[in-house]
Amino acid sequence: MPDGEQIELPIDSASAERYRSTPLRPAIWMTGVVVWATVIAFLFRVPTWAGIFLCLLTGLSFLLYLGSYIFLMATDREA
């Protein structure tokens, strides 16, 4: 069994760019995806009910993100 000093890290892991995981990342992704879906839907002229649904979904997603952001700023600034 090799000693801890003899184990070498792969070159890729040493130079890989690291992103900090935050609780807001899923909400950011969801909002971004829904906004793009809404924009593309309006470019292809979807039916009225689908446009209203996507707008409501986009608004709810943004409000979820905004609420989460405000909550985390008030309770846990490190997150």
C-alpha atoms as a PDB file:
ATOM      1  CA  MET A   1       0.000   0.000   0.000  1.00  0.00           C
ATOM      2  CA  PRO A   2       1.579   3.326  -1.011  1.00  0.00           C
ATOM      3  CA  ASP A   3       2.112   6.064   1.518  1.00  0.00           C
ATOM      4  CA  GLY A   4       0.026   9.247   1.370  1.00  0.00           C
ATOM      5  CA  GLU A   5       3.058  11.165   0.108  1.00  0.00           C
ATOM      6  CA  GLN A   6       3.564   8.844  -2.844  1.00  0.00           C
ATOM      7  CA  ILE A   7       0.058   9.227  -4.247  1.00  0.00           C
ATOM      8  CA  GLU A   8       0.023  11.700  -7.101  1.00  0.00           C
ATOM      9  CA  LEU A   9      -3.015  13.666  -8.167  1.00  0.00           C
ATOM     10  CA  PRO A  10      -3.970  13.591 -11.833  1.00  0.00           C
ATOM     11  CA  ILE A  11      -2.974  16.724 -13.715  1.00  0.00           C
ATOM     12  CA  ASP A  12      -6.584  17.388 -14.742  1.00  0.00           C
ATOM     13  CA  SER A  13      -7.864  17.634 -11.179  1.00  0.00           C
ATOM     14  CA  ALA A  14      -5.145  20.105 -10.206  1.00  0.00           C
ATOM     15  CA  SER A  15      -5.874  22.522 -13.038  1.00  0.00           C
ATOM     16  CA  ALA A  16      -9.634  22.066 -13.243  1.00  0.00           C
ATOM     17  CA  GLU A  17     -11.709  25.170 -12.724  1.00  0.00           C
ATOM     18  CA  ARG A  18     -13.829  24.812  -9.616  1.00  0.00           C
ATOM     19  CA  TYR A  19     -17.266  26.285  -9.105  1.00  0.00           C
ATOM     20  CA  ARG A  20     -18.668  26.891  -5.684  1.00  0.00           C
ATOM     21  CA  SER A  21     -21.841  24.950  -5.109  1.00  0.00           C
ATOM     22  CA  THR A  22     -24.666  27.113  -3.807  1.00  0.00           C
ATOM     23  CA  PRO A  23     -28.280  26.366  -2.926  1.00  0.00           C
ATOM     24  CA  LEU A  24     -29.341  28.912  -5.555  1.00  0.00           C
ATOM     25  CA  ARG A  25     -27.695  27.170  -8.518  1.00  0.00           C
ATOM     26  CA  PRO A  26     -30.717  24.911  -9.312  1.00  0.00           C
ATOM     27  CA  ALA A  27     -33.075  27.896  -9.160  1.00  0.00           C
ATOM     28  CA  ILE A  28     -30.808  29.880 -11.489  1.00  0.00           C
ATOM     29  CA  TRP A  29     -30.690  26.995 -13.987  1.00  0.00           C
ATOM     30  CA  MET A  30     -34.441  26.467 -13.830  1.00  0.00           C
ATOM     31  CA  THR A  31     -35.157  30.158 -14.394  1.00  0.00           C
ATOM     32  CA  GLY A  32     -32.739  30.323 -17.307  1.00  0.00           C
ATOM     33  CA  VAL A  33     -34.197  27.265 -19.013  1.00  0.00           C
ATOM     34  CA  VAL A  34     -37.785  28.433 -18.584  1.00  0.00           C
ATOM     35  CA  VAL A  35     -36.974  31.928 -19.871  1.00  0.00           C
ATOM     36  CA  TRP A  36     -35.380  30.479 -23.010  1.00  0.00           C
ATOM     37  CA  ALA A  37     -38.328  28.111 -23.493  1.00  0.00           C
ATOM     38  CA  THR A  38     -40.701  31.077 -23.258  1.00  0.00           C
ATOM     39  CA  VAL A  39     -38.715  33.175 -25.729  1.00  0.00           C
ATOM     40  CA  ILE A  40     -38.458  30.322 -28.232  1.00  0.00           C
ATOM     41  CA  ALA A  41     -42.148  29.522 -27.821  1.00  0.00           C
ATOM     42  CA  PHE A  42     -43.099  33.091 -28.693  1.00  0.00           C
ATOM     43  CA  LEU A  43     -40.768  33.052 -31.703  1.00  0.00           C
ATOM     44  CA  PHE A  44     -42.630  29.981 -33.019  1.00  0.00           C
ATOM     45  CA  ARG A  45     -46.040  31.502 -32.191  1.00  0.00           C
ATOM     46  CA  VAL A  46     -47.429  28.895 -29.802  1.00  0.00           C
ATOM     47  CA  PRO A  47     -51.131  28.894 -28.878  1.00  0.00           C
ATOM     48  CA  THR A  48     -52.307  31.484 -26.373  1.00  0.00           C
ATOM     49  CA  TRP A  49     -52.807  29.000 -23.536  1.00  0.00           C
ATOM     50  CA  ALA A  50     -49.219  27.716 -23.927  1.00  0.00           C
ATOM     51  CA  GLY A  51     -47.823  31.256 -23.893  1.00  0.00           C
ATOM     52  CA  ILE A  52     -49.762  32.110 -20.738  1.00  0.00           C
ATOM     53  CA  PHE A  53     -48.612  28.878 -19.098  1.00  0.00           C
ATOM     54  CA  LEU A  54     -44.956  29.529 -19.941  1.00  0.00           C
ATOM     55  CA  CYS A  55     -45.187  33.128 -18.727  1.00  0.00           C
ATOM     56  CA  LEU A  56     -46.695  31.961 -15.437  1.00  0.00           C
ATOM     57  CA  LEU A  57     -44.024  29.292 -15.090  1.00  0.00           C
ATOM     58  CA  THR A  58     -41.301  31.848 -15.784  1.00  0.00           C
ATOM     59  CA  GLY A  59     -42.747  34.268 -13.249  1.00  0.00           C
ATOM     60  CA  LEU A  60     -43.067  31.585 -10.569  1.00  0.00           C
ATOM     61  CA  SER A  61     -39.530  30.406 -11.228  1.00  0.00           C
ATOM     62  CA  PHE A  62     -38.185  33.938 -10.917  1.00  0.00           C
ATOM     63  CA  LEU A  63     -40.164  34.522  -7.704  1.00  0.00           C
ATOM     64  CA  LEU A  64     -38.785  31.263  -6.277  1.00  0.00           C
ATOM     65  CA  TYR A  65     -35.262  32.402  -7.111  1.00  0.00           C
ATOM     66  CA  LEU A  66     -35.828  35.874  -5.680  1.00  0.00           C
ATOM     67  CA  GLY A  67     -37.431  34.509  -2.508  1.00  0.00           C
ATOM     68  CA  SER A  68     -34.603  32.021  -2.017  1.00  0.00           C
ATOM     69  CA  TYR A  69     -32.015  34.728  -2.568  1.00  0.00           C
ATOM     70  CA  ILE A  70     -33.608  37.083  -0.047  1.00  0.00           C
ATOM     71  CA  PHE A  71     -34.065  34.269   2.487  1.00  0.00           C
ATOM     72  CA  LEU A  72     -30.439  33.159   2.198  1.00  0.00           C
ATOM     73  CA  MET A  73     -29.170  36.743   2.391  1.00  0.00           C
ATOM     74  CA  ALA A  74     -31.104  37.203   5.637  1.00  0.00           C
ATOM     75  CA  THR A  75     -30.190  33.889   7.260  1.00  0.00           C
ATOM     76  CA  ASP A  76     -26.947  32.539   5.763  1.00  0.00           C
ATOM     77  CA  ARG A  77     -24.767  35.044   3.928  1.00  0.00           C
ATOM     78  CA  GLU A  78     -22.067  32.434   3.224  1.00  0.00           C
ATOM     79  CA  ALA A  79     -24.413  30.384   1.050  1.00  0.00           C
END
